[in-house]
Amino acid sequence: MHPNRAFRRETEDRAIAMARARSFGILSTAAADGLLAAHIPFLLDDAAGMLEAHLLRSNPIARALRHSAMPAMMIVSGPDGYVSPDWYGEDDKVPTWNYVAVHLRGMLCLAEDVDMRGHVDRLSAQFEGRLSKTAWTADKMTPDLLEAMMRTIVPVRMTVEGVESTFKLNQNRSDQARRGAARMIAAGCTPGHETAALAALMRAVPGD
């Protein structure tokens, strides 16, 4: 997380809301063979105390979990974008990169007691519910093929023991400078990811 506390003042509830809205991140852990990472979707329970996901059986993290549970981190990235100092309308400023990120920390283990069909249904329903169409369900698949595919994955669970976040939105700049940068980002003048959402977050920062 960014060391500047101005970027770390958001509530845990807001960080969890962002992580839940994304529901996709980088699961990272350390095993005997070194650092491991997997890019996967996930579910958070209502209390945000448990993270549920799955991995391919052949994934190195899944193989490592056969021996024991491990400390892990789910890294969830929000919108981001480059900020040119010219956009502030102030002198003697340097370039920076604004971004939102949430880290969920906890113990990761295999969740052998999880019903895989139920897990697939919950995960797909989470994302299908955000689309403007009739939701896809696993019932549309040939039962034998669905069962064969589910045998290739294993459920994992992480007990969420810590939540950290960075909302780096130029809080250390004047309201006028921040809004000037947000205006340029919203206009598509910067490389980055979901820059319209980033600009909206910058505009929503309380004024000076």
N, C-alpha and C. Protein backbone atom coordinates (compact mmCIF):
# COMPACT_ATOMS: atom_id res chain seq x y z
N MET A 1 0.82 -1.19 0.00
CA MET A 1 0.00 0.00 0.00
C MET A 1 0.87 1.26 0.00
N HIS A 2 0.34 2.33 -0.56
CA HIS A 2 1.09 3.58 -0.66
C HIS A 2 1.39 4.12 0.74
N PRO A 3 2.61 4.59 0.97
CA PRO A 3 2.97 5.07 2.32
C PRO A 3 2.30 6.38 2.72
N ASN A 4 1.82 7.18 1.76
CA ASN A 4 1.19 8.46 2.08
C ASN A 4 -0.20 8.19 2.66
N ARG A 5 -0.40 8.57 3.92
CA ARG A 5 -1.67 8.28 4.59
C ARG A 5 -2.85 9.03 3.99
N ALA A 6 -2.56 10.09 3.22
CA ALA A 6 -3.65 10.81 2.56
C ALA A 6 -4.40 9.90 1.60
N PHE A 7 -3.73 8.86 1.10
CA PHE A 7 -4.34 7.95 0.14
C PHE A 7 -4.91 6.69 0.81
N ARG A 8 -4.85 6.64 2.14
CA ARG A 8 -5.25 5.42 2.85
C ARG A 8 -6.30 5.70 3.92
N ARG A 9 -7.11 6.70 3.67
CA ARG A 9 -8.11 7.11 4.67
C ARG A 9 -9.50 6.55 4.42
N GLU A 10 -9.65 5.81 3.34
CA GLU A 10 -10.98 5.26 3.06
C GLU A 10 -11.34 4.19 4.09
N THR A 11 -12.63 4.05 4.34
CA THR A 11 -13.08 3.07 5.32
C THR A 11 -12.90 1.65 4.79
N GLU A 12 -12.84 0.71 5.71
CA GLU A 12 -12.75 -0.69 5.31
C GLU A 12 -13.99 -1.09 4.50
N ASP A 13 -15.14 -0.53 4.88
CA ASP A 13 -16.37 -0.85 4.15
C ASP A 13 -16.27 -0.44 2.67
N ARG A 14 -15.67 0.73 2.41
CA ARG A 14 -15.55 1.16 1.02
C ARG A 14 -14.56 0.28 0.27
N ALA A 15 -13.49 -0.12 0.93
CA ALA A 15 -12.51 -1.00 0.28
C ALA A 15 -13.15 -2.34 -0.06
N ILE A 16 -13.93 -2.87 0.87
CA ILE A 16 -14.60 -4.15 0.63
C ILE A 16 -15.62 -4.01 -0.50
N ALA A 17 -16.33 -2.89 -0.52
CA ALA A 17 -17.32 -2.66 -1.59
C ALA A 17 -16.64 -2.64 -2.95
N MET A 18 -15.46 -2.02 -3.02
CA MET A 18 -14.74 -1.99 -4.29
C MET A 18 -14.29 -3.39 -4.69
N ALA A 19 -13.76 -4.15 -3.72
CA ALA A 19 -13.32 -5.51 -4.01
C ALA A 19 -14.49 -6.38 -4.47
N ARG A 20 -15.62 -6.21 -3.81
CA ARG A 20 -16.79 -7.01 -4.18
C ARG A 20 -17.31 -6.61 -5.56
N ALA A 21 -17.26 -5.32 -5.87
CA ALA A 21 -17.73 -4.86 -7.18
C ALA A 21 -16.84 -5.42 -8.30
N ARG A 22 -15.54 -5.52 -8.04
CA ARG A 22 -14.62 -6.06 -9.06
C ARG A 22 -14.73 -7.58 -9.13
N SER A 23 -14.64 -8.22 -7.96
CA SER A 23 -14.76 -9.68 -7.86
C SER A 23 -13.76 -10.42 -8.75
N PHE A 24 -12.64 -9.78 -9.02
CA PHE A 24 -11.58 -10.40 -9.80
C PHE A 24 -10.26 -9.82 -9.31
N GLY A 25 -9.27 -10.68 -9.15
CA GLY A 25 -8.00 -10.17 -8.66
C GLY A 25 -6.86 -11.16 -8.86
N ILE A 26 -5.74 -10.83 -8.27
CA ILE A 26 -4.55 -11.67 -8.33
C ILE A 26 -4.38 -12.33 -6.97
N LEU A 27 -4.53 -13.64 -6.92
CA LEU A 27 -4.31 -14.40 -5.71
C LEU A 27 -2.82 -14.72 -5.65
N SER A 28 -2.18 -14.25 -4.58
CA SER A 28 -0.73 -14.39 -4.47
C SER A 28 -0.35 -15.08 -3.16
N THR A 29 0.63 -15.96 -3.23
CA THR A 29 1.12 -16.64 -2.04
C THR A 29 2.55 -17.09 -2.28
N ALA A 30 3.18 -17.59 -1.23
CA ALA A 30 4.55 -18.08 -1.34
C ALA A 30 4.57 -19.56 -0.96
N ALA A 31 5.20 -20.35 -1.80
CA ALA A 31 5.32 -21.79 -1.55
C ALA A 31 6.79 -22.17 -1.56
N ALA A 32 7.05 -23.45 -1.41
CA ALA A 32 8.43 -23.92 -1.38
C ALA A 32 9.19 -23.57 -2.65
N ASP A 33 8.46 -23.50 -3.78
CA ASP A 33 9.10 -23.20 -5.06
C ASP A 33 9.21 -21.70 -5.34
N GLY A 34 8.71 -20.88 -4.42
CA GLY A 34 8.80 -19.44 -4.62
C GLY A 34 7.44 -18.78 -4.63
N LEU A 35 7.39 -17.53 -5.11
CA LEU A 35 6.14 -16.77 -5.16
C LEU A 35 5.23 -17.31 -6.26
N LEU A 36 3.93 -17.38 -5.96
CA LEU A 36 2.95 -17.90 -6.91
C LEU A 36 1.82 -16.89 -7.05
N ALA A 37 1.19 -16.84 -8.21
CA ALA A 37 0.07 -15.93 -8.43
C ALA A 37 -0.90 -16.53 -9.43
N ALA A 38 -2.17 -16.23 -9.24
CA ALA A 38 -3.22 -16.67 -10.16
C ALA A 38 -4.24 -15.55 -10.31
N HIS A 39 -4.67 -15.30 -11.54
CA HIS A 39 -5.66 -14.27 -11.83
C HIS A 39 -7.03 -14.94 -11.89
N ILE A 40 -7.89 -14.66 -10.91
CA ILE A 40 -9.14 -15.42 -10.80
C ILE A 40 -10.30 -14.55 -10.30
N PRO A 41 -11.54 -14.92 -10.67
CA PRO A 41 -12.72 -14.29 -10.06
C PRO A 41 -12.96 -14.90 -8.69
N PHE A 42 -13.73 -14.20 -7.87
CA PHE A 42 -13.98 -14.71 -6.53
C PHE A 42 -15.31 -14.20 -6.00
N LEU A 43 -15.74 -14.80 -4.90
CA LEU A 43 -16.92 -14.38 -4.17
C LEU A 43 -16.51 -13.97 -2.76
N LEU A 44 -17.14 -12.93 -2.21
CA LEU A 44 -17.00 -12.56 -0.80
C LEU A 44 -18.34 -12.79 -0.12
N ASP A 45 -18.32 -13.42 1.05
CA ASP A 45 -19.58 -13.61 1.75
C ASP A 45 -20.10 -12.27 2.28
N ASP A 46 -21.31 -12.27 2.83
CA ASP A 46 -21.97 -11.03 3.23
C ASP A 46 -21.16 -10.26 4.27
N ALA A 47 -20.47 -10.97 5.15
CA ALA A 47 -19.70 -10.32 6.19
C ALA A 47 -18.27 -9.99 5.75
N ALA A 48 -17.92 -10.33 4.51
CA ALA A 48 -16.57 -10.13 3.97
C ALA A 48 -15.51 -10.82 4.82
N GLY A 49 -15.90 -11.92 5.45
CA GLY A 49 -14.95 -12.67 6.26
C GLY A 49 -14.41 -13.89 5.55
N MET A 50 -15.03 -14.25 4.43
CA MET A 50 -14.62 -15.44 3.70
C MET A 50 -14.63 -15.17 2.20
N LEU A 51 -13.55 -15.53 1.55
CA LEU A 51 -13.42 -15.41 0.10
C LEU A 51 -13.46 -16.81 -0.50
N GLU A 52 -14.26 -16.98 -1.52
CA GLU A 52 -14.46 -18.28 -2.16
C GLU A 52 -14.07 -18.19 -3.63
N ALA A 53 -13.31 -19.16 -4.11
CA ALA A 53 -12.88 -19.17 -5.51
C ALA A 53 -12.55 -20.60 -5.91
N HIS A 54 -11.99 -20.75 -7.12
CA HIS A 54 -11.52 -22.07 -7.53
C HIS A 54 -10.29 -21.91 -8.41
N LEU A 55 -9.54 -22.98 -8.50
CA LEU A 55 -8.33 -23.03 -9.31
C LEU A 55 -8.33 -24.32 -10.12
N LEU A 56 -7.63 -24.31 -11.24
CA LEU A 56 -7.40 -25.57 -11.94
C LEU A 56 -6.59 -26.50 -11.04
N ARG A 57 -6.88 -27.77 -11.08
CA ARG A 57 -6.14 -28.73 -10.26
C ARG A 57 -4.64 -28.67 -10.55
N SER A 58 -4.28 -28.32 -11.80
CA SER A 58 -2.87 -28.27 -12.18
C SER A 58 -2.19 -26.97 -11.78
N ASN A 59 -2.94 -26.01 -11.23
CA ASN A 59 -2.35 -24.74 -10.84
C ASN A 59 -1.34 -24.97 -9.70
N PRO A 60 -0.17 -24.34 -9.75
CA PRO A 60 0.82 -24.54 -8.70
C PRO A 60 0.31 -24.20 -7.30
N ILE A 61 -0.58 -23.21 -7.19
CA ILE A 61 -1.13 -22.89 -5.87
C ILE A 61 -1.99 -24.04 -5.36
N ALA A 62 -2.80 -24.61 -6.22
CA ALA A 62 -3.65 -25.74 -5.83
C ALA A 62 -2.78 -26.93 -5.41
N ARG A 63 -1.69 -27.14 -6.12
CA ARG A 63 -0.81 -28.25 -5.75
C ARG A 63 -0.16 -28.00 -4.40
N ALA A 64 0.26 -26.76 -4.14
CA ALA A 64 0.89 -26.44 -2.86
C ALA A 64 -0.08 -26.59 -1.70
N LEU A 65 -1.36 -26.29 -1.95
CA LEU A 65 -2.36 -26.37 -0.88
C LEU A 65 -2.67 -27.80 -0.48
N ARG A 66 -2.27 -28.77 -1.28
CA ARG A 66 -2.48 -30.17 -0.90
C ARG A 66 -1.70 -30.52 0.36
N HIS A 67 -0.63 -29.79 0.62
CA HIS A 67 0.22 -30.08 1.77
C HIS A 67 -0.23 -29.34 3.02
N SER A 68 -0.66 -28.07 2.86
CA SER A 68 -1.10 -27.30 4.03
C SER A 68 -1.71 -25.97 3.57
N ALA A 69 -2.43 -25.35 4.49
CA ALA A 69 -2.94 -24.01 4.23
C ALA A 69 -1.77 -23.04 4.20
N MET A 70 -1.96 -21.87 3.55
CA MET A 70 -0.87 -20.92 3.39
C MET A 70 -1.40 -19.49 3.56
N PRO A 71 -0.58 -18.60 4.10
CA PRO A 71 -0.95 -17.18 4.06
C PRO A 71 -1.03 -16.72 2.61
N ALA A 72 -2.01 -15.87 2.32
CA ALA A 72 -2.19 -15.43 0.93
C ALA A 72 -2.73 -14.01 0.90
N MET A 73 -2.68 -13.42 -0.28
CA MET A 73 -3.21 -12.09 -0.50
C MET A 73 -3.98 -12.07 -1.81
N MET A 74 -5.18 -11.49 -1.79
CA MET A 74 -5.92 -11.23 -3.00
C MET A 74 -5.74 -9.74 -3.33
N ILE A 75 -5.12 -9.46 -4.46
CA ILE A 75 -4.87 -8.08 -4.89
C ILE A 75 -5.95 -7.70 -5.89
N VAL A 76 -6.73 -6.70 -5.55
CA VAL A 76 -7.83 -6.26 -6.40
C VAL A 76 -7.52 -4.85 -6.90
N SER A 77 -7.41 -4.70 -8.20
CA SER A 77 -7.08 -3.40 -8.80
C SER A 77 -8.34 -2.71 -9.31
N GLY A 78 -8.43 -1.41 -9.01
CA GLY A 78 -9.52 -0.60 -9.53
C GLY A 78 -9.05 0.23 -10.71
N PRO A 79 -9.74 1.32 -11.02
CA PRO A 79 -9.34 2.16 -12.15
C PRO A 79 -8.01 2.85 -11.89
N ASP A 80 -7.28 3.14 -12.96
CA ASP A 80 -5.99 3.80 -12.81
C ASP A 80 -5.71 4.66 -14.04
N GLY A 81 -4.76 5.59 -13.91
CA GLY A 81 -4.40 6.42 -15.04
C GLY A 81 -3.24 7.36 -14.73
N TYR A 82 -2.48 7.69 -15.76
CA TYR A 82 -1.36 8.62 -15.66
C TYR A 82 -1.90 10.05 -15.49
N VAL A 83 -1.21 10.84 -14.67
CA VAL A 83 -1.58 12.24 -14.44
C VAL A 83 -0.40 13.13 -14.83
N SER A 84 -0.61 13.99 -15.83
CA SER A 84 0.43 14.95 -16.24
C SER A 84 0.39 16.17 -15.32
N PRO A 85 1.53 16.65 -14.87
CA PRO A 85 1.54 17.84 -14.02
C PRO A 85 0.99 19.08 -14.71
N ASP A 86 0.99 19.11 -16.04
CA ASP A 86 0.44 20.25 -16.77
C ASP A 86 -1.05 20.45 -16.48
N TRP A 87 -1.72 19.39 -16.06
CA TRP A 87 -3.17 19.46 -15.88
C TRP A 87 -3.59 20.12 -14.57
N TYR A 88 -2.66 20.28 -13.64
CA TYR A 88 -3.01 20.87 -12.35
C TYR A 88 -3.21 22.39 -12.42
N GLY A 89 -2.54 23.03 -13.37
CA GLY A 89 -2.58 24.48 -13.40
C GLY A 89 -1.76 25.09 -12.29
N GLU A 90 -0.80 24.33 -11.78
CA GLU A 90 0.09 24.77 -10.70
C GLU A 90 1.53 24.48 -11.10
N ASP A 91 2.46 25.29 -10.62
CA ASP A 91 3.86 25.12 -10.97
C ASP A 91 4.54 24.08 -10.08
N ASP A 92 5.71 23.61 -10.58
CA ASP A 92 6.60 22.75 -9.80
C ASP A 92 5.93 21.48 -9.29
N LYS A 93 5.20 20.82 -10.15
CA LYS A 93 4.61 19.53 -9.83
C LYS A 93 5.23 18.48 -10.74
N VAL A 94 5.15 17.23 -10.34
CA VAL A 94 5.74 16.14 -11.12
C VAL A 94 4.64 15.18 -11.56
N PRO A 95 4.93 14.36 -12.60
CA PRO A 95 3.94 13.37 -13.03
C PRO A 95 3.66 12.34 -11.93
N THR A 96 2.50 11.73 -12.00
CA THR A 96 2.16 10.65 -11.07
C THR A 96 1.18 9.70 -11.75
N TRP A 97 0.77 8.69 -11.03
CA TRP A 97 -0.20 7.72 -11.54
C TRP A 97 -1.24 7.53 -10.44
N ASN A 98 -2.48 7.85 -10.73
CA ASN A 98 -3.56 7.65 -9.78
C ASN A 98 -4.14 6.25 -9.95
N TYR A 99 -4.58 5.67 -8.84
CA TYR A 99 -5.10 4.30 -8.91
C TYR A 99 -5.87 3.97 -7.64
N VAL A 100 -6.62 2.89 -7.72
CA VAL A 100 -7.32 2.33 -6.57
C VAL A 100 -6.92 0.86 -6.46
N ALA A 101 -6.60 0.43 -5.25
CA ALA A 101 -6.21 -0.97 -5.04
C ALA A 101 -6.64 -1.41 -3.65
N VAL A 102 -7.05 -2.66 -3.55
CA VAL A 102 -7.43 -3.26 -2.27
C VAL A 102 -6.68 -4.58 -2.12
N HIS A 103 -6.12 -4.80 -0.93
CA HIS A 103 -5.46 -6.06 -0.61
C HIS A 103 -6.27 -6.76 0.48
N LEU A 104 -6.66 -7.99 0.21
CA LEU A 104 -7.32 -8.85 1.20
C LEU A 104 -6.31 -9.90 1.63
N ARG A 105 -6.05 -9.99 2.93
CA ARG A 105 -5.06 -10.94 3.44
C ARG A 105 -5.73 -12.00 4.30
N GLY A 106 -5.18 -13.20 4.28
CA GLY A 106 -5.72 -14.25 5.14
C GLY A 106 -5.08 -15.59 4.87
N MET A 107 -5.66 -16.63 5.46
CA MET A 107 -5.17 -17.99 5.28
C MET A 107 -5.97 -18.67 4.17
N LEU A 108 -5.25 -19.23 3.22
CA LEU A 108 -5.84 -19.89 2.06
C LEU A 108 -5.76 -21.40 2.24
N CYS A 109 -6.83 -22.09 1.91
CA CYS A 109 -6.83 -23.55 2.01
C CYS A 109 -7.73 -24.14 0.94
N LEU A 110 -7.59 -25.42 0.69
CA LEU A 110 -8.53 -26.14 -0.14
C LEU A 110 -9.85 -26.24 0.60
N ALA A 111 -10.95 -26.12 -0.12
CA ALA A 111 -12.27 -26.17 0.51
C ALA A 111 -12.99 -27.43 0.03
N GLU A 112 -12.51 -28.56 0.49
CA GLU A 112 -13.02 -29.84 0.00
C GLU A 112 -14.49 -30.05 0.32
N ASP A 113 -15.01 -29.34 1.32
CA ASP A 113 -16.41 -29.52 1.71
C ASP A 113 -17.37 -28.72 0.85
N VAL A 114 -16.84 -27.90 -0.06
CA VAL A 114 -17.70 -27.06 -0.90
C VAL A 114 -18.31 -27.89 -2.03
N ASP A 115 -19.60 -27.74 -2.24
CA ASP A 115 -20.28 -28.36 -3.37
C ASP A 115 -19.91 -27.61 -4.64
N MET A 116 -19.21 -28.24 -5.56
CA MET A 116 -18.69 -27.55 -6.73
C MET A 116 -19.81 -26.99 -7.60
N ARG A 117 -20.90 -27.72 -7.76
CA ARG A 117 -22.01 -27.20 -8.57
C ARG A 117 -22.58 -25.94 -7.92
N GLY A 118 -22.72 -25.95 -6.61
CA GLY A 118 -23.21 -24.77 -5.92
C GLY A 118 -22.26 -23.60 -6.09
N HIS A 119 -20.96 -23.88 -6.03
CA HIS A 119 -19.96 -22.82 -6.20
C HIS A 119 -20.04 -22.22 -7.60
N VAL A 120 -20.10 -23.08 -8.62
CA VAL A 120 -20.19 -22.59 -10.00
C VAL A 120 -21.46 -21.76 -10.18
N ASP A 121 -22.56 -22.21 -9.60
CA ASP A 121 -23.82 -21.48 -9.72
C ASP A 121 -23.73 -20.11 -9.04
N ARG A 122 -23.14 -20.05 -7.86
CA ARG A 122 -23.03 -18.78 -7.14
C ARG A 122 -22.12 -17.80 -7.90
N LEU A 123 -21.02 -18.31 -8.41
CA LEU A 123 -20.07 -17.44 -9.10
C LEU A 123 -20.65 -16.91 -10.41
N SER A 124 -21.26 -17.80 -11.19
CA SER A 124 -21.84 -17.34 -12.46
C SER A 124 -23.02 -16.40 -12.22
N ALA A 125 -23.82 -16.66 -11.19
CA ALA A 125 -24.97 -15.80 -10.90
C ALA A 125 -24.51 -14.39 -10.53
N GLN A 126 -23.38 -14.29 -9.84
CA GLN A 126 -22.87 -12.98 -9.46
C GLN A 126 -22.61 -12.11 -10.68
N PHE A 127 -22.00 -12.69 -11.70
CA PHE A 127 -21.65 -11.90 -12.89
C PHE A 127 -22.79 -11.84 -13.90
N GLU A 128 -23.54 -12.92 -14.05
CA GLU A 128 -24.67 -12.90 -14.98
C GLU A 128 -25.72 -11.88 -14.52
N GLY A 129 -25.83 -11.70 -13.21
CA GLY A 129 -26.81 -10.75 -12.68
C GLY A 129 -26.49 -9.31 -13.03
N ARG A 130 -25.29 -9.05 -13.49
CA ARG A 130 -24.90 -7.69 -13.87
C ARG A 130 -25.13 -7.42 -15.36
N LEU A 131 -25.61 -8.41 -16.10
CA LEU A 131 -25.81 -8.28 -17.54
C LEU A 131 -27.28 -8.07 -17.86
N SER A 132 -27.55 -7.37 -18.94
CA SER A 132 -28.93 -7.10 -19.34
C SER A 132 -29.43 -8.19 -20.27
N LYS A 133 -29.53 -9.40 -19.73
CA LYS A 133 -30.04 -10.53 -20.51
C LYS A 133 -30.52 -11.59 -19.54
N THR A 134 -31.19 -12.60 -20.07
CA THR A 134 -31.56 -13.74 -19.25
C THR A 134 -30.28 -14.45 -18.79
N ALA A 135 -30.18 -14.70 -17.51
CA ALA A 135 -28.94 -15.23 -16.94
C ALA A 135 -28.62 -16.63 -17.47
N TRP A 136 -27.34 -16.81 -17.82
CA TRP A 136 -26.86 -18.17 -18.12
C TRP A 136 -26.82 -18.97 -16.84
N THR A 137 -27.16 -20.23 -16.90
CA THR A 137 -27.02 -21.14 -15.77
C THR A 137 -26.37 -22.43 -16.25
N ALA A 138 -25.82 -23.16 -15.32
CA ALA A 138 -25.17 -24.42 -15.67
C ALA A 138 -26.16 -25.45 -16.19
N ASP A 139 -27.45 -25.23 -15.97
CA ASP A 139 -28.46 -26.16 -16.49
C ASP A 139 -28.46 -26.21 -18.02
N LYS A 140 -27.87 -25.19 -18.66
CA LYS A 140 -27.81 -25.17 -20.11
C LYS A 140 -26.76 -26.13 -20.66
N MET A 141 -25.92 -26.67 -19.79
CA MET A 141 -24.85 -27.57 -20.24
C MET A 141 -25.28 -29.02 -20.19
N THR A 142 -24.66 -29.83 -21.03
CA THR A 142 -24.86 -31.28 -20.95
C THR A 142 -24.31 -31.75 -19.61
N PRO A 143 -25.11 -32.45 -18.80
CA PRO A 143 -24.68 -32.84 -17.45
C PRO A 143 -23.32 -33.53 -17.40
N ASP A 144 -23.07 -34.46 -18.31
CA ASP A 144 -21.80 -35.18 -18.29
C ASP A 144 -20.62 -34.24 -18.56
N LEU A 145 -20.80 -33.30 -19.49
CA LEU A 145 -19.73 -32.37 -19.81
C LEU A 145 -19.49 -31.42 -18.63
N LEU A 146 -20.57 -30.95 -18.01
CA LEU A 146 -20.42 -30.08 -16.85
C LEU A 146 -19.67 -30.78 -15.73
N GLU A 147 -20.03 -32.01 -15.46
CA GLU A 147 -19.35 -32.76 -14.40
C GLU A 147 -17.88 -32.97 -14.74
N ALA A 148 -17.59 -33.26 -16.00
CA ALA A 148 -16.20 -33.46 -16.41
C ALA A 148 -15.39 -32.18 -16.24
N MET A 149 -15.99 -31.04 -16.57
CA MET A 149 -15.28 -29.78 -16.43
C MET A 149 -15.06 -29.43 -14.97
N MET A 150 -16.04 -29.71 -14.14
CA MET A 150 -15.89 -29.39 -12.71
C MET A 150 -14.82 -30.26 -12.05
N ARG A 151 -14.56 -31.42 -12.61
CA ARG A 151 -13.51 -32.27 -12.05
C ARG A 151 -12.11 -31.69 -12.29
N THR A 152 -12.02 -30.73 -13.22
CA THR A 152 -10.70 -30.14 -13.52
C THR A 152 -10.36 -28.99 -12.58
N ILE A 153 -11.29 -28.59 -11.71
CA ILE A 153 -11.05 -27.47 -10.80
C ILE A 153 -11.21 -27.89 -9.35
N VAL A 154 -10.61 -27.13 -8.46
CA VAL A 154 -10.73 -27.39 -7.02
C VAL A 154 -11.16 -26.09 -6.32
N PRO A 155 -12.04 -26.20 -5.33
CA PRO A 155 -12.47 -25.00 -4.61
C PRO A 155 -11.41 -24.60 -3.58
N VAL A 156 -11.25 -23.29 -3.43
CA VAL A 156 -10.35 -22.77 -2.40
C VAL A 156 -11.11 -21.73 -1.58
N ARG A 157 -10.62 -21.52 -0.37
CA ARG A 157 -11.27 -20.58 0.55
C ARG A 157 -10.18 -19.80 1.28
N MET A 158 -10.41 -18.51 1.42
CA MET A 158 -9.48 -17.68 2.20
C MET A 158 -10.25 -16.98 3.31
N THR A 159 -9.84 -17.20 4.55
CA THR A 159 -10.39 -16.46 5.67
C THR A 159 -9.79 -15.06 5.65
N VAL A 160 -10.62 -14.05 5.46
CA VAL A 160 -10.12 -12.68 5.34
C VAL A 160 -9.81 -12.14 6.74
N GLU A 161 -8.52 -11.92 6.98
CA GLU A 161 -8.07 -11.45 8.29
C GLU A 161 -7.60 -10.00 8.27
N GLY A 162 -7.43 -9.43 7.09
CA GLY A 162 -6.99 -8.05 7.00
C GLY A 162 -7.39 -7.43 5.67
N VAL A 163 -7.74 -6.15 5.71
CA VAL A 163 -8.13 -5.40 4.51
C VAL A 163 -7.33 -4.11 4.49
N GLU A 164 -6.61 -3.88 3.39
CA GLU A 164 -5.84 -2.65 3.20
C GLU A 164 -6.24 -2.04 1.87
N SER A 165 -6.19 -0.72 1.78
CA SER A 165 -6.56 -0.10 0.51
C SER A 165 -5.77 1.17 0.27
N THR A 166 -5.61 1.48 -1.01
CA THR A 166 -5.08 2.76 -1.46
C THR A 166 -6.06 3.34 -2.47
N PHE A 167 -6.55 4.55 -2.20
CA PHE A 167 -7.36 5.31 -3.15
C PHE A 167 -6.54 6.56 -3.46
N LYS A 168 -5.64 6.46 -4.43
CA LYS A 168 -4.72 7.55 -4.76
C LYS A 168 -5.39 8.43 -5.82
N LEU A 169 -5.97 9.54 -5.36
CA LEU A 169 -6.83 10.37 -6.20
C LEU A 169 -6.45 11.84 -6.13
N ASN A 170 -5.16 12.13 -5.93
CA ASN A 170 -4.68 13.50 -5.82
C ASN A 170 -5.24 14.24 -4.60
N GLN A 171 -5.47 13.49 -3.51
CA GLN A 171 -5.94 14.14 -2.29
C GLN A 171 -4.91 15.12 -1.74
N ASN A 172 -3.65 15.00 -2.14
CA ASN A 172 -2.59 15.90 -1.68
C ASN A 172 -2.46 17.14 -2.57
N ARG A 173 -3.42 17.36 -3.46
CA ARG A 173 -3.43 18.54 -4.31
C ARG A 173 -4.67 19.39 -3.98
N SER A 174 -4.66 20.63 -4.44
CA SER A 174 -5.81 21.49 -4.21
C SER A 174 -7.02 20.95 -4.96
N ASP A 175 -8.21 21.37 -4.51
CA ASP A 175 -9.43 20.93 -5.17
C ASP A 175 -9.42 21.35 -6.64
N GLN A 176 -8.95 22.56 -6.94
CA GLN A 176 -8.90 23.04 -8.31
C GLN A 176 -7.95 22.21 -9.16
N ALA A 177 -6.78 21.87 -8.61
CA ALA A 177 -5.80 21.07 -9.34
C ALA A 177 -6.34 19.67 -9.59
N ARG A 178 -6.95 19.09 -8.57
CA ARG A 178 -7.48 17.73 -8.72
C ARG A 178 -8.58 17.69 -9.77
N ARG A 179 -9.47 18.67 -9.77
CA ARG A 179 -10.55 18.69 -10.74
C ARG A 179 -10.02 18.95 -12.16
N GLY A 180 -8.96 19.74 -12.25
CA GLY A 180 -8.36 19.95 -13.56
C GLY A 180 -7.79 18.65 -14.12
N ALA A 181 -7.13 17.88 -13.27
CA ALA A 181 -6.59 16.59 -13.71
C ALA A 181 -7.72 15.62 -14.04
N ALA A 182 -8.77 15.63 -13.23
CA ALA A 182 -9.90 14.73 -13.48
C ALA A 182 -10.56 15.06 -14.82
N ARG A 183 -10.66 16.34 -15.14
CA ARG A 183 -11.28 16.75 -16.41
C ARG A 183 -10.50 16.19 -17.60
N MET A 184 -9.17 16.24 -17.54
CA MET A 184 -8.35 15.74 -18.64
C MET A 184 -8.40 14.21 -18.72
N ILE A 185 -8.44 13.57 -17.57
CA ILE A 185 -8.53 12.10 -17.56
C ILE A 185 -9.87 11.67 -18.15
N ALA A 186 -10.94 12.36 -17.76
CA ALA A 186 -12.27 12.02 -18.27
C ALA A 186 -12.36 12.23 -19.78
N ALA A 187 -11.58 13.17 -20.29
CA ALA A 187 -11.59 13.45 -21.73
C ALA A 187 -10.78 12.44 -22.53
N GLY A 188 -10.21 11.47 -21.84
CA GLY A 188 -9.46 10.43 -22.54
C GLY A 188 -8.06 10.83 -22.91
N CYS A 189 -7.48 11.78 -22.16
CA CYS A 189 -6.15 12.30 -22.51
C CYS A 189 -5.01 11.51 -21.87
N THR A 190 -5.31 10.38 -21.26
CA THR A 190 -4.28 9.65 -20.54
C THR A 190 -4.35 8.16 -20.79
N PRO A 191 -3.21 7.47 -20.77
CA PRO A 191 -3.26 6.01 -20.77
C PRO A 191 -3.68 5.52 -19.40
N GLY A 192 -4.41 4.45 -19.36
CA GLY A 192 -4.83 3.89 -18.08
C GLY A 192 -6.00 2.95 -18.26
N HIS A 193 -6.60 2.55 -17.17
CA HIS A 193 -7.67 1.55 -17.16
C HIS A 193 -8.91 2.17 -16.52
N GLU A 194 -10.03 2.14 -17.22
CA GLU A 194 -11.30 2.68 -16.73
C GLU A 194 -11.12 4.13 -16.27
N THR A 195 -10.60 4.95 -17.17
CA THR A 195 -10.27 6.31 -16.79
C THR A 195 -11.50 7.16 -16.47
N ALA A 196 -12.65 6.86 -17.06
CA ALA A 196 -13.85 7.61 -16.71
C ALA A 196 -14.22 7.38 -15.25
N ALA A 197 -14.10 6.13 -14.80
CA ALA A 197 -14.38 5.82 -13.40
C ALA A 197 -13.37 6.49 -12.48
N LEU A 198 -12.11 6.52 -12.91
CA LEU A 198 -11.07 7.18 -12.11
C LEU A 198 -11.37 8.66 -11.96
N ALA A 199 -11.76 9.33 -13.06
CA ALA A 199 -12.08 10.75 -13.00
C ALA A 199 -13.25 11.01 -12.06
N ALA A 200 -14.25 10.13 -12.09
CA ALA A 200 -15.41 10.30 -11.21
C ALA A 200 -15.00 10.19 -9.74
N LEU A 201 -14.11 9.27 -9.43
CA LEU A 201 -13.63 9.13 -8.06
C LEU A 201 -12.85 10.36 -7.62
N MET A 202 -12.04 10.91 -8.53
CA MET A 202 -11.27 12.10 -8.20
C MET A 202 -12.19 13.28 -7.91
N ARG A 203 -13.25 13.42 -8.71
CA ARG A 203 -14.19 14.52 -8.50
C ARG A 203 -14.94 14.36 -7.17
N ALA A 204 -15.10 13.12 -6.73
CA ALA A 204 -15.87 12.86 -5.51
C ALA A 204 -15.07 13.08 -4.23
N VAL A 205 -13.76 13.31 -4.34
CA VAL A 205 -12.94 13.57 -3.16
C VAL A 205 -13.43 14.86 -2.49
N PRO A 206 -13.63 14.85 -1.17
CA PRO A 206 -14.07 16.08 -0.49
C PRO A 206 -13.13 17.23 -0.78
N GLY A 207 -13.69 18.44 -0.95
CA GLY A 207 -12.88 19.62 -1.29
C GLY A 207 -12.02 20.09 -0.15
N ASP A 208 -11.15 21.03 -0.47
CA ASP A 208 -10.22 21.58 0.53
C ASP A 208 -10.98 22.35 1.61
